[in-house]
N, C-alpha and C. Protein backbone atom coordinates (compact mmCIF):
# COMPACT_ATOMS: atom_id res chain seq x y z
N ILE A 1 -72.00 127.35 231.98
CA ILE A 1 -72.92 128.13 231.09
C ILE A 1 -73.89 128.79 232.33
N CYS A 2 -73.78 130.26 231.84
CA CYS A 2 -74.77 130.94 232.23
C CYS A 2 -76.22 131.26 231.86
N SER A 3 -77.45 131.16 232.98
CA SER A 3 -78.46 131.26 232.33
C SER A 3 -79.22 133.18 232.64
N PHE A 4 -80.11 133.67 231.70
CA PHE A 4 -80.38 134.82 231.91
C PHE A 4 -81.95 134.49 232.00
N GLU A 5 -82.75 135.40 233.20
CA GLU A 5 -84.22 135.60 232.88
C GLU A 5 -84.64 137.16 232.28
N ILE A 6 -85.26 137.23 231.39
CA ILE A 6 -85.32 138.22 231.21
C ILE A 6 -87.09 138.37 231.27
N VAL A 7 -87.31 139.64 232.27
CA VAL A 7 -88.70 139.96 232.49
C VAL A 7 -89.13 141.55 231.88
N CYS A 8 -90.14 141.23 231.09
CA CYS A 8 -90.55 142.03 230.13
C CYS A 8 -91.72 142.91 230.93
N GLU A 9 -91.71 144.22 230.64
CA GLU A 9 -92.41 145.26 231.33
C GLU A 9 -93.65 145.21 230.86
N ARG A 10 -94.01 144.55 229.48
CA ARG A 10 -95.17 144.43 228.83
C ARG A 10 -95.68 143.48 228.18
N GLU A 11 -96.99 143.21 227.44
CA GLU A 11 -96.92 142.00 226.96
C GLU A 11 -96.25 141.74 225.92
N VAL A 12 -95.44 140.58 225.84
CA VAL A 12 -95.26 140.15 224.19
C VAL A 12 -95.78 139.07 223.53
N LYS A 13 -95.98 139.05 222.33
CA LYS A 13 -96.63 138.14 221.41
C LYS A 13 -95.30 137.01 221.18
N ALA A 14 -95.65 136.10 220.61
CA ALA A 14 -94.71 134.90 219.73
C ALA A 14 -94.41 135.51 219.02
N GLY A 15 -93.15 135.54 218.50
CA GLY A 15 -92.46 136.17 217.49
C GLY A 15 -92.43 137.72 217.38
N ASP A 16 -92.82 138.45 218.38
CA ASP A 16 -92.46 139.88 218.71
C ASP A 16 -90.76 139.95 218.82
N GLN A 17 -90.05 141.26 218.37
CA GLN A 17 -88.46 141.07 218.53
C GLN A 17 -88.51 141.60 220.36
N LEU A 18 -87.47 141.32 220.70
CA LEU A 18 -87.10 141.71 222.29
C LEU A 18 -85.84 142.19 221.58
N SER A 19 -85.23 142.94 222.74
CA SER A 19 -84.05 143.63 222.83
C SER A 19 -83.36 144.30 223.94
N LEU A 20 -82.50 144.49 224.46
CA LEU A 20 -81.92 144.46 225.84
C LEU A 20 -81.82 146.31 225.37
N GLY A 21 -82.17 147.08 226.30
CA GLY A 21 -81.73 148.14 226.38
C GLY A 21 -80.11 148.82 226.90
N GLY A 22 -80.56 150.21 227.12
CA GLY A 22 -79.04 150.32 227.61
C GLY A 22 -78.04 150.53 226.40
N GLY A 23 -78.10 150.23 225.10
CA GLY A 23 -77.18 150.76 223.79
C GLY A 23 -76.19 151.23 224.23
N GLY A 24 -74.72 151.12 223.08
CA GLY A 24 -73.87 152.02 223.41
C GLY A 24 -72.86 151.44 224.01
N LEU A 25 -73.05 149.56 224.17
CA LEU A 25 -72.34 148.83 225.00
C LEU A 25 -71.12 148.20 223.90
N GLY A 26 -69.51 148.74 224.45
CA GLY A 26 -68.97 147.38 223.84
C GLY A 26 -68.84 145.89 223.85
N ASN A 27 -68.32 145.42 222.87
CA ASN A 27 -67.91 143.78 223.15
C ASN A 27 -67.56 143.45 224.05
N GLU A 28 -66.66 144.28 225.01
CA GLU A 28 -66.01 143.32 226.37
C GLU A 28 -67.23 143.49 227.17
N GLU A 29 -68.23 144.55 227.56
CA GLU A 29 -69.13 145.05 228.17
C GLU A 29 -70.32 143.73 227.88
N LEU A 30 -70.61 143.67 226.99
CA LEU A 30 -71.85 142.67 225.86
C LEU A 30 -71.18 141.07 226.10
N LEU A 31 -70.41 140.87 226.19
CA LEU A 31 -69.62 139.44 226.41
C LEU A 31 -69.72 139.21 227.81
N LEU A 32 -68.89 139.77 228.28
CA LEU A 32 -68.59 139.96 229.88
C LEU A 32 -70.13 139.57 230.57
N ASN A 33 -71.24 140.24 230.40
CA ASN A 33 -72.32 140.93 231.04
C ASN A 33 -73.76 140.46 230.50
N TYR A 34 -73.93 139.82 229.31
CA TYR A 34 -74.73 139.31 228.57
C TYR A 34 -74.01 138.05 227.40
N GLY A 35 -73.26 137.18 227.29
CA GLY A 35 -72.70 136.40 226.82
C GLY A 35 -72.61 136.38 225.55
N PHE A 36 -72.88 137.66 224.71
CA PHE A 36 -72.96 137.54 223.37
C PHE A 36 -71.21 139.17 223.10
N ALA A 37 -70.98 138.73 221.88
CA ALA A 37 -70.79 139.85 221.16
C ALA A 37 -71.02 140.51 219.85
N ILE A 38 -70.88 141.59 219.18
CA ILE A 38 -71.64 142.31 217.82
C ILE A 38 -70.29 142.68 216.87
N SER A 39 -70.32 141.84 215.95
CA SER A 39 -69.54 142.59 214.79
C SER A 39 -69.41 143.69 214.10
N ASP A 40 -68.39 144.16 214.16
CA ASP A 40 -68.71 145.59 213.73
C ASP A 40 -69.30 146.25 214.56
N ASN A 41 -69.13 146.36 215.86
CA ASN A 41 -69.54 146.83 217.19
C ASN A 41 -69.21 148.76 216.79
N ARG A 42 -69.95 149.46 217.22
CA ARG A 42 -69.30 150.81 216.91
C ARG A 42 -69.12 151.09 218.10
N PHE A 43 -69.39 150.95 219.22
CA PHE A 43 -69.47 150.89 220.52
C PHE A 43 -67.89 150.27 221.18
N ASP A 44 -67.91 149.67 220.49
CA ASP A 44 -66.72 148.80 220.84
C ASP A 44 -65.09 149.57 220.77
N SER A 45 -64.20 149.15 222.13
CA SER A 45 -62.92 150.12 222.40
C SER A 45 -62.17 148.83 222.84
N VAL A 46 -60.56 149.20 223.09
CA VAL A 46 -59.89 148.59 223.59
C VAL A 46 -59.23 148.83 224.56
N ALA A 47 -59.22 148.30 225.80
CA ALA A 47 -58.57 149.66 227.51
C ALA A 47 -56.67 148.65 227.44
N LEU A 48 -56.04 150.09 227.41
CA LEU A 48 -54.74 149.54 227.29
C LEU A 48 -54.32 150.25 228.86
N SER A 49 -53.65 149.53 229.50
CA SER A 49 -53.23 149.92 230.63
C SER A 49 -51.36 150.66 230.32
N LEU A 50 -51.02 151.91 230.65
CA LEU A 50 -49.63 152.40 230.46
C LEU A 50 -49.13 152.52 231.41
N THR A 51 -47.71 152.29 231.75
CA THR A 51 -46.75 152.61 232.70
C THR A 51 -45.97 153.74 232.13
N ALA A 52 -46.00 154.85 232.81
CA ALA A 52 -45.02 155.88 232.73
C ALA A 52 -44.59 156.31 233.75
N GLU A 53 -43.34 157.23 233.61
CA GLU A 53 -42.72 157.91 235.15
C GLU A 53 -43.77 158.96 235.66
N ALA A 54 -44.86 159.18 235.37
CA ALA A 54 -45.62 159.81 235.61
C ALA A 54 -46.47 159.16 236.16
N GLY A 55 -46.83 157.71 236.19
CA GLY A 55 -47.73 157.10 236.84
C GLY A 55 -48.21 156.14 235.69
N SER A 56 -49.36 155.58 236.14
CA SER A 56 -50.45 154.32 235.44
C SER A 56 -51.30 155.30 234.95
N HIS A 57 -52.02 155.13 233.35
CA HIS A 57 -53.19 155.07 233.32
C HIS A 57 -53.45 154.22 232.22
N THR A 58 -54.75 154.40 232.26
CA THR A 58 -55.55 153.55 230.63
C THR A 58 -55.93 154.39 229.88
N VAL A 59 -55.73 154.19 228.67
CA VAL A 59 -56.26 154.38 227.67
C VAL A 59 -57.23 153.81 226.90
N ARG A 60 -57.83 153.97 226.25
CA ARG A 60 -59.06 153.34 225.35
C ARG A 60 -59.14 153.69 224.52
N LEU A 61 -59.11 152.71 223.42
CA LEU A 61 -58.92 153.08 222.03
C LEU A 61 -59.85 152.41 221.41
N THR A 62 -60.46 153.02 220.13
CA THR A 62 -62.04 152.81 219.62
C THR A 62 -61.75 152.64 217.98
N PRO A 63 -63.14 152.46 217.47
CA PRO A 63 -62.61 152.21 216.07
C PRO A 63 -61.97 153.97 215.26
N ALA A 64 -62.50 154.70 216.06
CA ALA A 64 -62.01 155.78 215.60
C ALA A 64 -60.65 156.19 215.52
N GLY A 65 -60.04 155.63 216.37
CA GLY A 65 -58.29 155.61 216.74
C GLY A 65 -58.30 155.85 218.32
N ILE A 66 -57.13 156.34 218.02
CA ILE A 66 -56.40 156.99 219.62
C ILE A 66 -57.32 158.34 219.89
N PRO A 67 -57.75 158.25 221.52
CA PRO A 67 -58.61 159.64 221.07
C PRO A 67 -57.51 160.43 221.14
N GLY A 68 -58.36 162.06 221.06
CA GLY A 68 -57.74 163.07 220.65
C GLY A 68 -56.79 163.79 221.65
N GLU A 69 -57.56 163.74 223.21
CA GLU A 69 -56.64 164.03 224.36
C GLU A 69 -55.32 163.53 224.14
N VAL A 70 -55.50 162.17 224.15
CA VAL A 70 -54.06 161.80 224.32
C VAL A 70 -53.05 161.84 223.06
N VAL A 71 -53.44 162.39 221.76
CA VAL A 71 -52.92 162.58 220.88
C VAL A 71 -52.02 164.06 221.30
N ASP A 72 -52.99 164.76 221.59
CA ASP A 72 -52.97 166.11 221.74
C ASP A 72 -51.72 166.43 222.93
N ARG A 73 -51.88 165.51 224.43
CA ARG A 73 -50.99 165.51 225.05
C ARG A 73 -49.35 165.34 224.62
N ILE A 74 -49.39 163.93 223.98
CA ILE A 74 -48.29 163.53 223.47
C ILE A 74 -47.44 164.91 222.68
N GLU A 75 -48.25 165.01 221.92
CA GLU A 75 -47.55 166.22 220.85
C GLU A 75 -47.37 167.78 221.35
N GLU A 76 -48.25 167.90 222.29
CA GLU A 76 -47.66 168.87 223.39
C GLU A 76 -46.75 169.20 224.40
N GLU A 77 -46.75 167.85 224.62
CA GLU A 77 -45.66 167.63 225.92
C GLU A 77 -44.32 166.94 225.15
N GLN A 78 -43.99 166.71 223.41
CA GLN A 78 -43.41 166.37 223.29
C GLN A 78 -42.81 164.74 223.64
N ASP A 79 -43.96 164.32 224.13
CA ASP A 79 -43.85 163.02 225.25
C ASP A 79 -43.33 161.70 224.70
N THR A 80 -42.23 161.50 223.98
CA THR A 80 -42.03 160.27 223.40
C THR A 80 -42.14 158.97 224.27
N ALA A 81 -41.58 159.03 225.34
CA ALA A 81 -41.88 157.73 226.35
C ALA A 81 -43.52 157.80 226.32
N GLN A 82 -44.03 158.74 226.39
CA GLN A 82 -45.30 157.99 226.39
C GLN A 82 -46.17 157.35 224.95
N PHE A 83 -45.16 157.96 223.92
CA PHE A 83 -46.02 157.54 222.57
C PHE A 83 -44.94 156.06 222.34
N VAL A 84 -44.25 155.89 222.66
CA VAL A 84 -43.43 154.69 222.75
C VAL A 84 -44.13 153.65 223.47
N GLY A 85 -44.74 153.80 224.97
CA GLY A 85 -45.17 152.95 225.96
C GLY A 85 -46.74 152.85 225.11
N LEU A 86 -47.35 153.92 224.46
CA LEU A 86 -48.61 153.40 223.70
C LEU A 86 -48.45 152.57 222.86
N LEU A 87 -47.07 152.52 221.79
CA LEU A 87 -46.74 151.43 220.62
C LEU A 87 -46.31 150.12 221.16
N LYS A 88 -45.59 150.30 222.34
CA LYS A 88 -45.54 148.87 222.72
C LYS A 88 -46.78 147.96 223.13
N ALA A 89 -47.71 148.56 224.30
CA ALA A 89 -48.74 148.18 224.51
C ALA A 89 -49.85 147.96 223.57
N THR A 90 -49.86 148.62 222.17
CA THR A 90 -51.01 148.34 221.54
C THR A 90 -49.92 146.96 220.29
N LEU A 91 -48.61 146.91 220.45
CA LEU A 91 -48.21 145.97 219.68
C LEU A 91 -48.52 144.30 220.64
N GLU A 92 -48.32 144.75 221.86
CA GLU A 92 -47.97 143.41 222.66
C GLU A 92 -49.91 143.20 222.54
N ARG A 93 -50.65 144.01 222.82
CA ARG A 93 -52.19 143.60 222.44
C ARG A 93 -52.57 142.94 221.34
N ARG A 94 -51.99 143.58 220.49
CA ARG A 94 -52.19 143.08 218.97
C ARG A 94 -51.45 141.30 218.95
N ARG A 95 -50.69 141.28 219.36
CA ARG A 95 -49.77 139.93 219.17
C ARG A 95 -50.74 138.96 219.97
N SER A 96 -51.40 139.06 221.21
CA SER A 96 -52.12 138.38 221.95
C SER A 96 -53.47 138.20 221.39
N VAL A 97 -53.79 139.00 221.48
CA VAL A 97 -54.96 138.82 220.21
C VAL A 97 -55.31 138.23 219.14
N ARG A 98 -54.15 138.05 218.25
CA ARG A 98 -53.98 137.26 217.07
C ARG A 98 -53.47 135.96 217.39
N ASP A 99 -52.63 135.94 218.12
CA ASP A 99 -52.48 134.47 218.95
C ASP A 99 -53.58 133.71 219.59
N CYS A 100 -54.79 134.63 220.37
CA CYS A 100 -56.04 134.03 220.47
C CYS A 100 -56.93 133.56 218.97
N LEU A 101 -56.71 134.59 218.41
CA LEU A 101 -57.94 134.09 216.91
C LEU A 101 -57.31 132.82 216.38
N LYS A 102 -55.76 132.65 216.41
CA LYS A 102 -55.23 131.56 216.13
C LYS A 102 -55.28 130.19 216.22
N ARG A 103 -55.40 130.17 217.58
CA ARG A 103 -56.13 129.09 218.85
C ARG A 103 -56.95 128.59 218.61
N LEU A 104 -58.31 130.11 218.81
CA LEU A 104 -59.71 129.50 218.83
C LEU A 104 -60.44 128.43 218.12
N PRO A 105 -60.31 127.88 216.91
CA PRO A 105 -60.58 127.04 216.08
C PRO A 105 -60.27 125.90 216.97
N GLN A 106 -59.02 125.61 217.15
CA GLN A 106 -59.01 124.30 217.54
C GLN A 106 -59.37 124.29 218.81
N ALA A 107 -59.14 125.03 219.68
CA ALA A 107 -59.88 125.21 221.45
C ALA A 107 -61.10 124.39 221.03
N LEU A 108 -61.84 125.28 220.46
CA LEU A 108 -63.21 125.57 220.03
C LEU A 108 -63.56 124.69 219.05
N ASN A 109 -63.38 123.62 218.58
CA ASN A 109 -63.68 122.68 217.79
C ASN A 109 -65.29 122.37 217.78
N PHE A 110 -65.75 121.62 216.67
CA PHE A 110 -67.30 121.20 216.74
C PHE A 110 -67.29 120.09 217.94
N ASN A 111 -65.82 119.44 218.33
CA ASN A 111 -66.24 118.35 218.98
C ASN A 111 -66.53 118.89 220.69
N VAL A 112 -65.85 120.12 220.64
CA VAL A 112 -66.26 121.06 222.28
C VAL A 112 -67.41 121.77 221.99
N CYS A 113 -67.76 122.34 220.88
CA CYS A 113 -68.86 123.38 220.43
C CYS A 113 -70.11 122.89 219.79
N LYS A 114 -70.78 122.12 220.48
CA LYS A 114 -71.55 120.76 219.88
C LYS A 114 -72.96 122.15 220.22
N GLY A 115 -74.13 121.82 219.33
CA GLY A 115 -75.20 122.51 219.10
C GLY A 115 -75.11 124.44 218.76
N PRO A 116 -76.26 124.80 218.52
CA PRO A 116 -76.04 125.93 218.05
C PRO A 116 -75.86 127.07 219.47
N LEU A 117 -76.10 127.08 220.73
CA LEU A 117 -75.71 127.80 221.67
C LEU A 117 -74.36 127.86 221.71
N LEU A 118 -73.69 126.86 222.00
CA LEU A 118 -72.15 126.63 221.95
C LEU A 118 -71.57 127.51 220.76
N ARG A 119 -72.01 127.18 219.36
CA ARG A 119 -71.48 128.13 218.57
C ARG A 119 -71.81 129.45 218.51
N GLY A 120 -72.94 129.56 218.70
CA GLY A 120 -72.76 131.28 218.87
C GLY A 120 -71.91 131.61 220.03
N LEU A 121 -71.67 131.52 221.06
CA LEU A 121 -70.61 131.54 222.14
C LEU A 121 -69.60 131.71 221.43
N LYS A 122 -68.64 130.89 220.29
CA LYS A 122 -67.46 130.53 219.73
C LYS A 122 -67.93 132.27 218.69
N ARG A 123 -68.96 132.24 218.05
CA ARG A 123 -68.81 133.12 216.97
C ARG A 123 -68.83 134.43 217.99
N SER A 124 -69.47 134.70 218.93
CA SER A 124 -69.39 135.86 219.73
C SER A 124 -67.95 135.93 220.55
N LEU A 125 -66.86 134.98 220.57
CA LEU A 125 -65.68 135.31 220.79
C LEU A 125 -65.09 136.02 219.74
N GLU A 126 -65.06 135.34 218.39
CA GLU A 126 -64.47 135.49 217.48
C GLU A 126 -64.56 137.27 216.85
N ALA A 127 -66.08 137.41 217.14
CA ALA A 127 -66.47 138.72 217.36
C ALA A 127 -65.32 139.65 218.00
N PHE A 128 -65.91 139.66 219.33
CA PHE A 128 -64.91 140.43 220.14
C PHE A 128 -63.50 140.40 219.66
N LEU A 129 -62.65 139.07 219.47
CA LEU A 129 -61.36 139.10 219.14
C LEU A 129 -61.14 140.05 217.82
N GLU A 130 -61.80 139.87 216.60
CA GLU A 130 -61.85 140.60 215.36
C GLU A 130 -61.95 142.00 215.52
N GLY A 131 -62.77 142.38 216.63
CA GLY A 131 -63.01 143.70 216.83
C GLY A 131 -61.74 144.27 217.57
N GLU A 132 -61.50 143.65 218.34
CA GLU A 132 -60.12 144.47 219.17
C GLU A 132 -59.09 144.30 218.04
N LEU A 133 -58.85 143.45 217.76
CA LEU A 133 -57.87 143.64 216.33
C LEU A 133 -57.80 144.51 214.99
N SER A 134 -58.91 145.18 215.02
CA SER A 134 -59.48 146.03 214.16
C SER A 134 -59.08 147.46 214.36
N ILE A 135 -59.31 147.52 215.86
CA ILE A 135 -59.29 148.42 216.20
C ILE A 135 -57.23 148.98 216.64
N LEU A 136 -57.04 147.54 217.11
CA LEU A 136 -55.61 147.95 217.25
C LEU A 136 -55.01 148.01 216.06
N GLU A 137 -55.33 147.73 214.75
CA GLU A 137 -54.45 147.75 213.41
C GLU A 137 -54.89 149.31 213.08
N LYS A 138 -56.07 149.54 213.62
CA LYS A 138 -56.34 151.56 212.76
C LYS A 138 -55.55 152.18 214.21
N CYS A 139 -55.05 151.81 215.25
CA CYS A 139 -54.38 152.82 215.71
C CYS A 139 -53.49 152.66 215.80
N LEU A 140 -52.53 151.43 215.00
CA LEU A 140 -51.01 151.38 214.71
C LEU A 140 -50.33 151.83 213.66
N GLU A 141 -51.86 151.78 212.33
CA GLU A 141 -51.92 152.81 211.26
C GLU A 141 -51.55 153.86 211.53
N GLU A 142 -52.36 154.81 212.66
CA GLU A 142 -52.05 155.81 213.20
C GLU A 142 -51.24 156.22 213.30
N MET A 143 -50.49 155.68 214.48
CA MET A 143 -48.95 156.04 214.66
C MET A 143 -47.65 155.98 213.82
N GLN A 144 -48.28 155.18 212.96
CA GLN A 144 -47.30 154.95 211.74
C GLN A 144 -47.06 155.72 210.79
N ALA A 145 -48.19 156.82 210.94
CA ALA A 145 -48.40 157.80 210.04
C ALA A 145 -47.71 159.20 210.83
N VAL A 146 -47.36 159.40 212.06
CA VAL A 146 -46.81 159.99 212.82
C VAL A 146 -45.25 159.89 212.95
N ASP A 147 -44.22 160.84 212.34
CA ASP A 147 -42.81 160.61 213.22
C ASP A 147 -42.58 161.08 214.63
N PRO A 148 -41.47 160.34 215.31
CA PRO A 148 -41.50 160.93 216.86
C PRO A 148 -41.79 162.56 217.20
N ALA A 149 -41.15 163.59 216.17
CA ALA A 149 -41.09 164.37 216.12
C ALA A 149 -43.12 165.41 216.18
N GLY A 150 -43.72 164.42 215.98
CA GLY A 150 -45.43 164.81 216.00
C GLY A 150 -45.72 165.04 214.58
N ASN A 151 -44.76 165.06 213.24
CA ASN A 151 -44.84 165.38 212.02
C ASN A 151 -45.61 164.38 211.29
N PRO A 152 -46.53 164.75 210.60
CA PRO A 152 -47.38 163.71 209.65
C PRO A 152 -46.02 163.43 208.71
N ASP A 153 -46.33 162.06 207.96
CA ASP A 153 -45.30 161.59 207.24
C ASP A 153 -46.12 162.22 205.67
N GLU A 154 -45.05 162.61 204.85
CA GLU A 154 -45.65 162.94 203.70
C GLU A 154 -45.83 161.50 202.84
N THR A 155 -46.92 161.37 202.40
CA THR A 155 -46.98 160.45 201.33
C THR A 155 -46.57 160.49 199.93
N PRO A 156 -46.18 159.16 199.20
CA PRO A 156 -46.06 159.60 197.60
C PRO A 156 -47.02 160.10 196.84
N ALA A 157 -48.50 159.89 197.51
CA ALA A 157 -49.95 160.55 196.88
C ALA A 157 -49.74 161.81 197.22
N GLU A 158 -49.13 162.48 198.27
CA GLU A 158 -49.45 163.61 198.62
C GLU A 158 -48.10 164.62 197.84
N GLU A 159 -47.00 163.84 197.67
CA GLU A 159 -46.26 164.83 196.92
C GLU A 159 -46.64 164.17 195.41
N GLY A 160 -47.19 163.81 194.96
CA GLY A 160 -47.54 163.59 193.43
C GLY A 160 -46.86 162.53 193.13
N GLY A 161 -46.34 161.56 193.64
CA GLY A 161 -45.53 160.41 193.02
C GLY A 161 -46.35 159.49 192.96
N ALA A 162 -45.38 158.45 193.13
CA ALA A 162 -46.21 157.00 192.57
C ALA A 162 -47.55 156.87 193.45
N GLU A 163 -48.18 155.69 193.26
CA GLU A 163 -49.56 155.17 193.91
C GLU A 163 -49.01 154.65 195.25
N GLU A 164 -49.51 154.48 196.30
CA GLU A 164 -49.37 153.81 197.46
C GLU A 164 -49.50 152.53 197.26
N GLN A 165 -48.63 151.62 197.69
CA GLN A 165 -48.22 150.17 197.47
C GLN A 165 -49.55 149.45 198.54
N PRO A 166 -50.04 148.29 198.03
CA PRO A 166 -51.04 147.71 198.87
C PRO A 166 -50.08 146.80 199.90
N GLU A 167 -50.84 146.97 201.23
CA GLU A 167 -50.14 146.44 202.06
C GLU A 167 -49.84 145.17 202.21
N GLU A 168 -48.64 144.42 202.39
CA GLU A 168 -48.07 143.02 202.23
C GLU A 168 -48.94 142.81 203.69
N HIS A 169 -49.28 141.16 203.59
CA HIS A 169 -49.53 140.32 204.76
C HIS A 169 -48.56 140.19 205.27
N VAL A 170 -48.77 140.09 206.71
CA VAL A 170 -47.01 139.71 207.77
C VAL A 170 -47.94 138.59 208.48
N ASP A 171 -46.98 137.96 208.07
CA ASP A 171 -46.87 136.37 209.05
C ASP A 171 -46.52 136.42 210.19
N ASP A 172 -47.12 135.53 211.34
CA ASP A 172 -46.53 135.46 212.54
C ASP A 172 -44.68 135.54 212.52
N GLU A 173 -44.26 134.98 211.62
CA GLU A 173 -43.18 134.84 211.99
C GLU A 173 -42.43 136.62 211.71
N GLY A 174 -42.81 137.06 210.69
CA GLY A 174 -42.59 138.24 210.37
C GLY A 174 -43.04 139.37 211.37
N GLU A 175 -43.96 139.11 212.04
CA GLU A 175 -44.93 140.12 213.09
C GLU A 175 -43.52 140.49 213.91
N GLU A 176 -42.42 139.69 214.51
CA GLU A 176 -41.90 140.30 215.82
C GLU A 176 -40.78 140.93 215.07
N GLU A 177 -40.60 141.09 213.82
CA GLU A 177 -39.40 142.03 212.63
C GLU A 177 -40.20 143.50 212.94
N GLU A 178 -41.27 143.29 212.58
CA GLU A 178 -42.40 144.67 212.06
C GLU A 178 -42.12 145.09 213.17
N GLU A 179 -42.63 144.27 214.44
CA GLU A 179 -42.56 145.37 215.78
C GLU A 179 -41.10 146.35 216.13
N GLU A 180 -40.09 145.38 215.78
CA GLU A 180 -38.81 145.67 216.01
C GLU A 180 -38.74 146.59 215.28
N LEU A 181 -38.77 146.84 213.82
CA LEU A 181 -39.01 148.31 212.77
C LEU A 181 -39.53 149.08 213.57
N ALA A 182 -40.62 148.95 213.87
CA ALA A 182 -41.55 149.94 214.46
C ALA A 182 -40.89 150.75 215.63
N MET A 183 -40.18 150.06 216.51
CA MET A 183 -39.64 150.39 217.55
C MET A 183 -38.35 151.30 217.37
N ALA A 184 -37.48 150.56 216.30
CA ALA A 184 -36.32 151.28 215.96
C ALA A 184 -36.37 152.52 215.65
N HIS A 185 -37.79 153.01 215.34
CA HIS A 185 -37.55 154.75 215.15
C HIS A 185 -37.49 155.53 216.31
N PHE A 186 -37.36 155.07 217.47
CA PHE A 186 -37.43 155.78 218.51
C PHE A 186 -36.09 155.02 219.40
């Protein structure tokens, strides 16, 4: 367990609220540097390393989705290989995050996480993982809305057809099948 010493630049009365400066930090940075994470952190992001013929680079996904410059580059260059690489990396990371979330309650049960400090750390790990999962799923939805030629799919609602069907829950066994279907389009 880590400990931190926080030195205030002014006098603080008992009960005063303290905050860390620097704002704009994602959960990865908060968790690694300060030992906590925030649910629904608007500054959160997921870094994915992509390897392509042109070399390796990192794409940072955010709650807003895939960065516009990445989408623009893929569309301008009609770079299907980069799109598939991004899709694969996103699917692999999502699988890993889901697996961690599934194992976390057993790995950090009440026998291991005794006391408020350790339970708080467990909640921070859950917030970190849930934040990553939310970003990854948003980006996958974004990628599914575009065909390989870069044309947005027309949804039934746009065509004046039937209402959009609710999304079905995908269990762990159906996840690989879903990923295979996503990759089959390429």
